[in-house]
Amino acid sequence: MNTTLKSLLLTALIGSALPVTAQTDPGQMPPDGPHRRHMSPEQHTERMSRDLDLSPEQISSVTEINNRFAEQMRALREPEEVRQARREAVRKLMEQHDQELRKVLDDTQYAKWEQERRAMKEKRAQRGRGMQAGEAAP
């Protein structure tokens, strides 16, 4: 898989369960790095539940959304000849995921989730801009 597709997939998976670093004990935070992208839908839901203080009903809905989203993302990882079609499918899937979560989260939870998603996106962008040819990622 090319780097762009990996970034898109990682963005989609992590986007559903971003850590709230300002309010989490450092000992509870998962390490940044390659293991983070292998979080299960259940782990994403657990993190969202903890970080967003979800109600039991929201946890149930978010679990269903995250499981379905992860399954659809797995299907998109299959080899495909048309890279642009894959990008568009991921974009649409991420948009749908966002719309469904919007229906479940209250305004405060959604705003917090959006803020964390934007912060993670900026962090990834800064990491990408800071790397030169031959350098390892931080």
Protein backbone atom coordinates (compact mmCIF):
# COMPACT_ATOMS: atom_id res chain seq x y z
CA MET A 1 0.00 0.00 0.00
CA ASN A 2 1.28 3.43 -0.73
CA THR A 3 1.99 5.96 2.00
CA THR A 4 -0.98 8.18 1.12
CA LEU A 5 -3.45 5.32 1.42
CA LYS A 6 -1.90 4.19 4.69
CA SER A 7 -2.25 7.73 6.00
CA LEU A 8 -5.89 7.88 4.95
CA LEU A 9 -6.69 4.55 6.57
CA LEU A 10 -4.86 5.48 9.73
CA THR A 11 -6.65 8.82 9.83
CA ALA A 12 -10.01 7.14 9.49
CA LEU A 13 -9.35 4.56 12.17
CA ILE A 14 -7.76 6.91 14.65
CA GLY A 15 -10.29 9.60 13.90
CA SER A 16 -12.98 7.51 15.46
CA ALA A 17 -11.18 7.39 18.80
CA LEU A 18 -8.74 10.20 19.35
CA PRO A 19 -7.13 10.48 22.77
CA VAL A 20 -7.84 13.50 24.89
CA THR A 21 -4.31 14.01 26.07
CA ALA A 22 -5.00 17.02 28.26
CA GLN A 23 -7.37 15.05 30.48
CA THR A 24 -5.80 11.61 30.47
CA ASP A 25 -3.21 10.33 32.91
CA PRO A 26 0.07 9.81 31.06
CA GLY A 27 0.19 6.24 32.36
CA GLN A 28 -3.14 5.47 30.68
CA MET A 29 -2.21 6.78 27.26
CA PRO A 30 -1.18 4.27 24.61
CA PRO A 31 2.26 4.86 23.15
CA ASP A 32 2.39 6.71 19.87
CA GLY A 33 3.70 4.53 17.16
CA PRO A 34 2.89 1.53 15.01
CA HIS A 35 0.84 -0.36 17.62
CA ARG A 36 -1.64 2.47 17.84
CA ARG A 37 -3.02 1.84 14.37
CA HIS A 38 -3.95 -1.70 15.36
CA MET A 39 -6.56 -0.63 17.89
CA SER A 40 -9.70 -2.70 17.63
CA PRO A 41 -13.14 -1.11 17.22
CA GLU A 42 -13.78 -2.09 20.84
CA GLN A 43 -10.66 -0.25 21.97
CA HIS A 44 -11.73 2.79 19.96
CA THR A 45 -15.14 2.68 21.61
CA GLU A 46 -13.60 2.27 25.05
CA ARG A 47 -11.38 5.29 24.48
CA MET A 48 -14.28 7.39 23.19
CA SER A 49 -16.39 6.31 26.14
CA ARG A 50 -13.71 7.34 28.59
CA ASP A 51 -12.69 10.57 26.85
CA LEU A 52 -16.19 11.77 25.92
CA ASP A 53 -18.06 10.46 28.96
CA LEU A 54 -20.58 8.58 26.82
CA SER A 55 -23.86 7.31 28.20
CA PRO A 56 -24.60 3.55 28.01
CA GLU A 57 -26.92 4.20 25.06
CA GLN A 58 -24.21 6.20 23.28
CA ILE A 59 -21.67 3.45 23.96
CA SER A 60 -23.98 0.92 22.32
CA SER A 61 -24.50 3.12 19.26
CA VAL A 62 -20.82 4.08 18.95
CA THR A 63 -19.81 0.40 19.27
CA GLU A 64 -22.09 -0.50 16.37
CA ILE A 65 -20.84 2.45 14.29
CA ASN A 66 -17.16 1.69 14.98
CA ASN A 67 -17.56 -2.04 14.24
CA ARG A 68 -19.30 -1.33 10.94
CA PHE A 69 -16.77 1.36 10.06
CA ALA A 70 -13.80 -0.94 10.80
CA GLU A 71 -15.30 -3.71 8.66
CA GLN A 72 -15.85 -1.31 5.77
CA MET A 73 -12.30 0.02 6.12
CA ARG A 74 -10.94 -3.55 6.03
CA ALA A 75 -12.81 -4.10 2.76
CA LEU A 76 -11.19 -0.97 1.31
CA ARG A 77 -7.71 -2.31 2.07
CA GLU A 78 -8.08 -4.99 -0.57
CA PRO A 79 -5.96 -4.40 -3.68
CA GLU A 80 -7.65 -2.00 -6.05
CA GLU A 81 -6.45 -0.66 -9.38
CA VAL A 82 -7.96 2.80 -9.21
CA ARG A 83 -6.35 4.79 -6.42
CA GLN A 84 -8.65 7.79 -6.81
CA ALA A 85 -11.76 5.62 -6.42
CA ARG A 86 -10.34 4.24 -3.19
CA ARG A 87 -9.64 7.73 -1.86
CA GLU A 88 -13.16 8.82 -2.70
CA ALA A 89 -14.62 5.73 -1.03
CA VAL A 90 -12.59 6.41 2.13
CA ARG A 91 -13.63 10.07 2.10
CA LYS A 92 -17.31 9.15 1.77
CA LEU A 93 -17.00 6.51 4.47
CA MET A 94 -15.34 8.97 6.83
CA GLU A 95 -18.06 11.51 6.10
CA GLN A 96 -20.76 8.93 6.84
CA HIS A 97 -18.97 7.89 10.04
CA ASP A 98 -18.88 11.52 11.12
CA GLN A 99 -22.57 12.03 10.35
CA GLU A 100 -23.57 8.95 12.34
CA LEU A 101 -21.45 9.94 15.33
CA ARG A 102 -22.97 13.42 15.16
CA LYS A 103 -26.39 11.88 15.73
CA VAL A 104 -25.17 10.04 18.84
CA LEU A 105 -22.92 12.59 20.54
CA ASP A 106 -24.25 15.71 22.21
CA ASP A 107 -22.96 19.13 21.09
CA THR A 108 -20.22 19.28 23.72
CA GLN A 109 -18.99 15.76 22.99
CA TYR A 110 -19.04 16.35 19.25
CA ALA A 111 -17.14 19.64 19.56
CA LYS A 112 -14.52 17.95 21.72
CA TRP A 113 -14.24 15.05 19.26
CA GLU A 114 -13.87 17.48 16.32
CA GLN A 115 -11.23 19.50 18.18
CA GLU A 116 -9.19 16.39 18.91
CA ARG A 117 -9.54 15.17 15.35
CA ARG A 118 -8.27 18.51 14.01
CA ALA A 119 -5.36 18.51 16.49
CA MET A 120 -4.34 15.00 15.41
CA LYS A 121 -4.58 15.99 11.74
CA GLU A 122 -2.35 18.99 12.36
CA LYS A 123 0.11 16.87 14.34
CA ARG A 124 0.34 14.40 11.44
CA ALA A 125 0.81 17.25 8.96
CA GLN A 126 3.61 18.77 11.04
CA ARG A 127 5.30 15.40 11.34
CA GLY A 128 5.11 14.99 7.56
CA ARG A 129 6.50 18.48 6.86
CA GLY A 130 9.33 18.05 9.35
CA MET A 131 10.69 14.87 7.81
CA GLN A 132 13.42 15.08 5.20
CA ALA A 133 14.53 12.29 2.88
CA GLY A 134 16.18 9.55 4.88
CA GLU A 135 14.97 10.80 8.28
CA ALA A 136 13.04 8.57 10.62
CA ALA A 137 9.68 9.63 11.97
CA PRO A 138 9.78 11.01 15.54
